[in-house]
Amino acid sequence: MSISPKAALLEEYALVARALSAPARLMLLEQIAQGERREEALADKTGLTIANASRHLQSLRRAGLVASRRDGKAVIYRLTDAKTLQLMDLLRIVAERNLAEVERILRGLSDGQDAPEPVSRDELAARLAEGSVTVLDVRPSDEYASGHIPGALNVTVSELELILPTLDPGAVIVAYCRGPYCIYAHQAVAALRKHGLNARRLDGGLPEWREDGRPVRARSPDVDISNEGK
């Protein structure tokens, strides 16, 4: 028996929702949002076996959230649509507004304190133009190398203590990481504020900054995701 057009549409919408229903797939999307990634690298970054990562990636592909291409024997994944970034962020916003456990976890990242309001990307761009901000990219070094905000210093959360003597106590410090699901920036801001520094995190991460059409610099010779001059 055939189903109604509405039922058919809802089934397709539910396909997207089901694709987002596994934490492993959200981790994979977070990584792919940084730029094109090989399947093996995605498995390594997320701690999944290659076989398990492949299964999750196929679910994301069937839902139209990612696309793939082959480079020799390698399979490389990318986001199919920038709207996926908005979908990921909307999922975060709804969870933060309605789930008490999410609020508890986030407060824990800030040592039980209310976190300061994030810095908008427009504000950060203006401060960069003025030279009135220190920007910290707190992602791993390989992610920084493949693309970062110009002028950002790369330092992981575990390395913050090493650079404290070099930071201007009177300056505004903005930390950023991967995007809506990354907690590194939350942790960095909490650690810096414990030392009395004026630290805030960026609203969004490198993927959202890049999607705005803002400049991005890459160090890796085989990856160029720069928007400079465009």
Protein backbone atom coordinates (compact mmCIF):
# COMPACT_ATOMS: atom_id res chain seq x y z
CA MET A 1 0.00 0.00 0.00
CA SER A 2 1.37 3.40 -0.95
CA ILE A 3 1.92 6.05 1.72
CA SER A 4 0.80 9.65 1.57
CA PRO A 5 3.17 12.36 0.34
CA LYS A 6 3.27 13.83 3.84
CA ALA A 7 4.20 10.49 5.40
CA ALA A 8 6.89 10.04 2.75
CA LEU A 9 8.31 13.49 3.50
CA LEU A 10 8.32 12.88 7.23
CA GLU A 11 10.20 9.64 6.70
CA GLU A 12 12.91 11.52 4.81
CA TYR A 13 13.11 14.19 7.50
CA ALA A 14 13.36 11.45 10.11
CA LEU A 15 16.27 9.97 8.15
CA VAL A 16 18.26 13.15 8.86
CA ALA A 17 17.23 13.12 12.51
CA ARG A 18 18.25 9.48 12.91
CA ALA A 19 21.63 10.24 11.34
CA LEU A 20 22.25 12.73 14.16
CA SER A 21 21.18 10.33 16.88
CA ALA A 22 24.60 8.78 17.63
CA PRO A 23 27.36 10.64 19.51
CA ALA A 24 29.95 9.07 17.19
CA ARG A 25 28.28 10.69 14.16
CA LEU A 26 28.27 14.07 15.86
CA MET A 27 32.00 13.67 16.52
CA LEU A 28 32.55 12.78 12.87
CA LEU A 29 30.56 15.81 11.70
CA GLU A 30 32.59 18.02 14.03
CA GLN A 31 35.79 16.79 12.40
CA ILE A 32 34.49 17.02 8.82
CA ALA A 33 33.34 20.58 9.51
CA GLN A 34 37.04 21.53 9.88
CA GLY A 35 37.57 20.68 6.20
CA GLU A 36 37.87 17.62 3.98
CA ARG A 37 39.06 14.58 5.90
CA ARG A 38 40.16 11.07 4.94
CA GLU A 39 38.23 8.19 6.41
CA GLU A 40 41.29 6.85 8.23
CA ALA A 41 42.02 10.26 9.76
CA LEU A 42 38.41 10.57 10.91
CA ALA A 43 38.59 7.18 12.59
CA ASP A 44 41.83 8.16 14.33
CA LYS A 45 40.52 11.54 15.50
CA THR A 46 37.30 10.10 16.93
CA GLY A 47 38.80 6.95 18.44
CA LEU A 48 36.68 4.68 16.25
CA THR A 49 37.82 1.67 14.31
CA ILE A 50 37.93 2.26 10.56
CA ALA A 51 35.07 -0.22 10.07
CA ASN A 52 32.91 1.50 12.68
CA ALA A 53 33.71 4.97 11.35
CA SER A 54 32.83 3.80 7.85
CA ARG A 55 29.41 2.57 8.99
CA HIS A 56 28.64 5.85 10.70
CA LEU A 57 29.88 7.85 7.71
CA GLN A 58 27.61 5.88 5.41
CA SER A 59 24.64 6.79 7.62
CA LEU A 60 25.60 10.45 7.38
CA ARG A 61 26.01 10.14 3.61
CA ARG A 62 22.60 8.48 3.16
CA ALA A 63 21.05 11.36 5.09
CA GLY A 64 22.72 13.84 2.74
CA LEU A 65 24.81 15.43 5.49
CA VAL A 66 28.19 14.48 4.00
CA ALA A 67 29.52 13.64 0.56
CA SER A 68 32.54 11.56 -0.36
CA ARG A 69 35.08 11.31 -3.16
CA ARG A 70 37.92 8.95 -3.90
CA ASP A 71 41.57 9.85 -4.15
CA GLY A 72 43.23 6.63 -5.20
CA LYS A 73 42.31 4.14 -2.50
CA ALA A 74 41.44 6.85 0.01
CA VAL A 75 37.87 7.98 0.67
CA ILE A 76 37.60 11.66 1.54
CA TYR A 77 34.57 13.23 3.21
CA ARG A 78 33.22 16.78 3.31
CA LEU A 79 30.02 18.48 4.41
CA THR A 80 27.50 18.66 1.59
CA ASP A 81 25.88 21.87 2.74
CA ALA A 82 26.88 24.74 5.01
CA LYS A 83 23.38 24.53 6.48
CA THR A 84 24.61 21.44 8.31
CA LEU A 85 26.69 23.76 10.50
CA GLN A 86 23.52 25.61 11.42
CA LEU A 87 21.74 22.34 12.13
CA MET A 88 24.56 21.24 14.44
CA ASP A 89 24.44 24.56 16.28
CA LEU A 90 20.64 24.48 16.56
CA LEU A 91 20.88 21.05 18.14
CA ARG A 92 23.27 22.52 20.72
CA ILE A 93 21.03 25.52 21.41
CA VAL A 94 17.89 23.42 21.96
CA ALA A 95 19.78 21.04 24.26
CA GLU A 96 21.30 23.90 26.29
CA ARG A 97 17.92 25.58 26.71
CA ASN A 98 15.93 22.50 27.64
CA LEU A 99 18.19 19.86 29.21
CA ALA A 100 19.29 20.44 32.79
CA GLU A 101 22.12 17.93 32.42
CA VAL A 102 23.65 19.97 29.60
CA GLU A 103 23.64 23.06 31.82
CA ARG A 104 25.23 21.06 34.65
CA ILE A 105 28.02 19.79 32.40
CA LEU A 106 28.75 23.24 30.98
CA ARG A 107 28.86 24.80 34.46
CA GLY A 108 31.27 22.06 35.44
CA LEU A 109 33.57 23.12 32.62
CA SER A 110 33.56 26.62 34.14
CA ASP A 111 34.21 25.36 37.68
CA GLY A 112 30.60 26.03 38.64
CA GLN A 113 30.76 29.68 37.59
CA ASP A 114 28.61 31.45 35.02
CA ALA A 115 30.62 31.62 31.81
CA PRO A 116 31.00 35.05 30.20
CA GLU A 117 29.03 35.80 27.07
CA PRO A 118 30.78 34.57 23.91
CA VAL A 119 32.39 37.08 21.59
CA SER A 120 30.58 37.40 18.28
CA ARG A 121 32.53 36.85 15.09
CA ASP A 122 31.84 40.45 14.04
CA GLU A 123 33.30 41.73 17.32
CA LEU A 124 36.37 39.54 16.98
CA ALA A 125 36.93 40.72 13.40
CA ALA A 126 36.74 44.34 14.58
CA ARG A 127 39.15 43.72 17.46
CA LEU A 128 41.59 41.97 15.14
CA ALA A 129 41.51 44.97 12.82
CA GLU A 130 42.25 47.24 15.79
CA GLY A 131 44.93 44.92 17.17
CA SER A 132 43.14 44.94 20.54
CA VAL A 133 42.80 41.20 21.14
CA THR A 134 44.85 38.07 21.68
CA VAL A 135 43.34 35.09 19.89
CA LEU A 136 44.06 31.54 21.00
CA ASP A 137 43.32 28.53 18.80
CA VAL A 138 43.09 25.70 21.32
CA ARG A 139 42.67 22.84 18.85
CA PRO A 140 45.38 20.23 18.23
CA SER A 141 48.31 21.45 16.14
CA ASP A 142 47.37 19.46 13.01
CA GLU A 143 43.95 21.11 12.90
CA TYR A 144 45.52 24.52 13.41
CA ALA A 145 47.93 23.81 10.55
CA SER A 146 45.13 22.95 8.14
CA GLY A 147 43.35 26.23 8.81
CA HIS A 148 43.18 28.94 11.47
CA ILE A 149 42.17 32.54 12.08
CA PRO A 150 45.04 34.81 10.99
CA GLY A 151 47.08 35.95 13.96
CA ALA A 152 45.79 33.22 16.27
CA LEU A 153 48.30 31.52 18.55
CA ASN A 154 48.06 27.75 18.74
CA VAL A 155 48.11 26.43 22.29
CA THR A 156 46.27 23.45 23.73
CA VAL A 157 44.52 23.60 27.08
CA SER A 158 47.29 21.54 28.69
CA GLU A 159 49.89 24.07 27.46
CA LEU A 160 48.18 27.22 28.76
CA GLU A 161 50.31 27.40 31.89
CA LEU A 162 53.41 27.70 29.71
CA ILE A 163 52.23 30.85 27.95
CA LEU A 164 50.67 32.65 30.93
CA PRO A 165 53.78 34.84 31.48
CA THR A 166 53.55 36.06 27.88
CA LEU A 167 49.90 37.15 28.04
CA ASP A 168 49.03 40.79 28.66
CA PRO A 169 46.85 40.91 31.81
CA GLY A 170 45.07 43.97 30.44
CA ALA A 171 44.23 42.47 27.06
CA VAL A 172 41.06 40.77 25.93
CA ILE A 173 41.75 37.11 25.14
CA VAL A 174 39.44 35.15 22.86
CA ALA A 175 39.72 31.37 22.60
CA TYR A 176 38.15 29.27 19.89
CA CYS A 177 38.13 25.65 18.80
CA ARG A 178 36.12 23.40 16.46
CA GLY A 179 32.58 24.71 16.74
CA PRO A 180 29.36 23.98 18.65
CA TYR A 181 30.40 20.68 20.23
CA CYS A 182 34.00 21.50 21.12
CA ILE A 183 34.73 22.02 24.82
CA TYR A 184 38.36 23.11 24.55
CA ALA A 185 37.45 26.80 24.39
CA HIS A 186 35.22 26.48 27.48
CA GLN A 187 38.09 24.85 29.38
CA ALA A 188 40.64 27.40 28.19
CA VAL A 189 38.50 30.37 29.19
CA ALA A 190 37.86 28.89 32.65
CA ALA A 191 41.58 28.26 33.17
CA LEU A 192 42.58 31.75 32.03
CA ARG A 193 39.94 33.49 34.15
CA LYS A 194 41.19 31.63 37.23
CA HIS A 195 44.43 33.55 36.68
CA GLY A 196 42.55 36.84 36.52
CA LEU A 197 42.70 37.24 32.75
CA ASN A 198 39.88 38.73 30.70
CA ALA A 199 39.15 35.65 28.61
CA ARG A 200 36.07 34.80 26.56
CA ARG A 201 35.32 32.23 23.94
CA LEU A 202 34.32 32.87 20.34
CA ASP A 203 30.72 32.28 19.33
CA GLY A 204 31.22 29.32 16.99
CA GLY A 205 34.56 28.00 15.85
CA LEU A 206 36.81 27.87 12.83
CA PRO A 207 34.12 26.34 10.53
CA GLU A 208 31.62 29.13 11.25
CA TRP A 209 34.29 31.81 10.89
CA ARG A 210 35.28 30.38 7.52
CA GLU A 211 31.67 30.02 6.37
CA ASP A 212 31.15 33.73 7.02
CA GLY A 213 33.74 34.30 4.29
CA ARG A 214 36.33 35.59 6.74
CA PRO A 215 40.07 35.03 6.18
CA VAL A 216 41.57 31.66 7.11
CA ARG A 217 45.22 30.70 6.85
CA ALA A 218 46.55 27.21 6.28
CA ARG A 219 50.05 25.89 6.83
CA SER A 220 49.63 22.41 5.40
CA PRO A 221 51.02 22.27 1.84
CA ASP A 222 48.34 19.83 0.62
CA VAL A 223 45.35 21.57 2.18
CA ASP A 224 44.32 25.09 1.19
CA ILE A 225 41.12 26.32 2.74
CA SER A 226 42.07 29.98 2.82
CA ASN A 227 39.39 32.59 2.09
CA GLU A 228 41.94 35.35 1.90
CA GLY A 229 41.52 37.51 -1.16
CA LYS A 230 38.07 36.09 -1.93
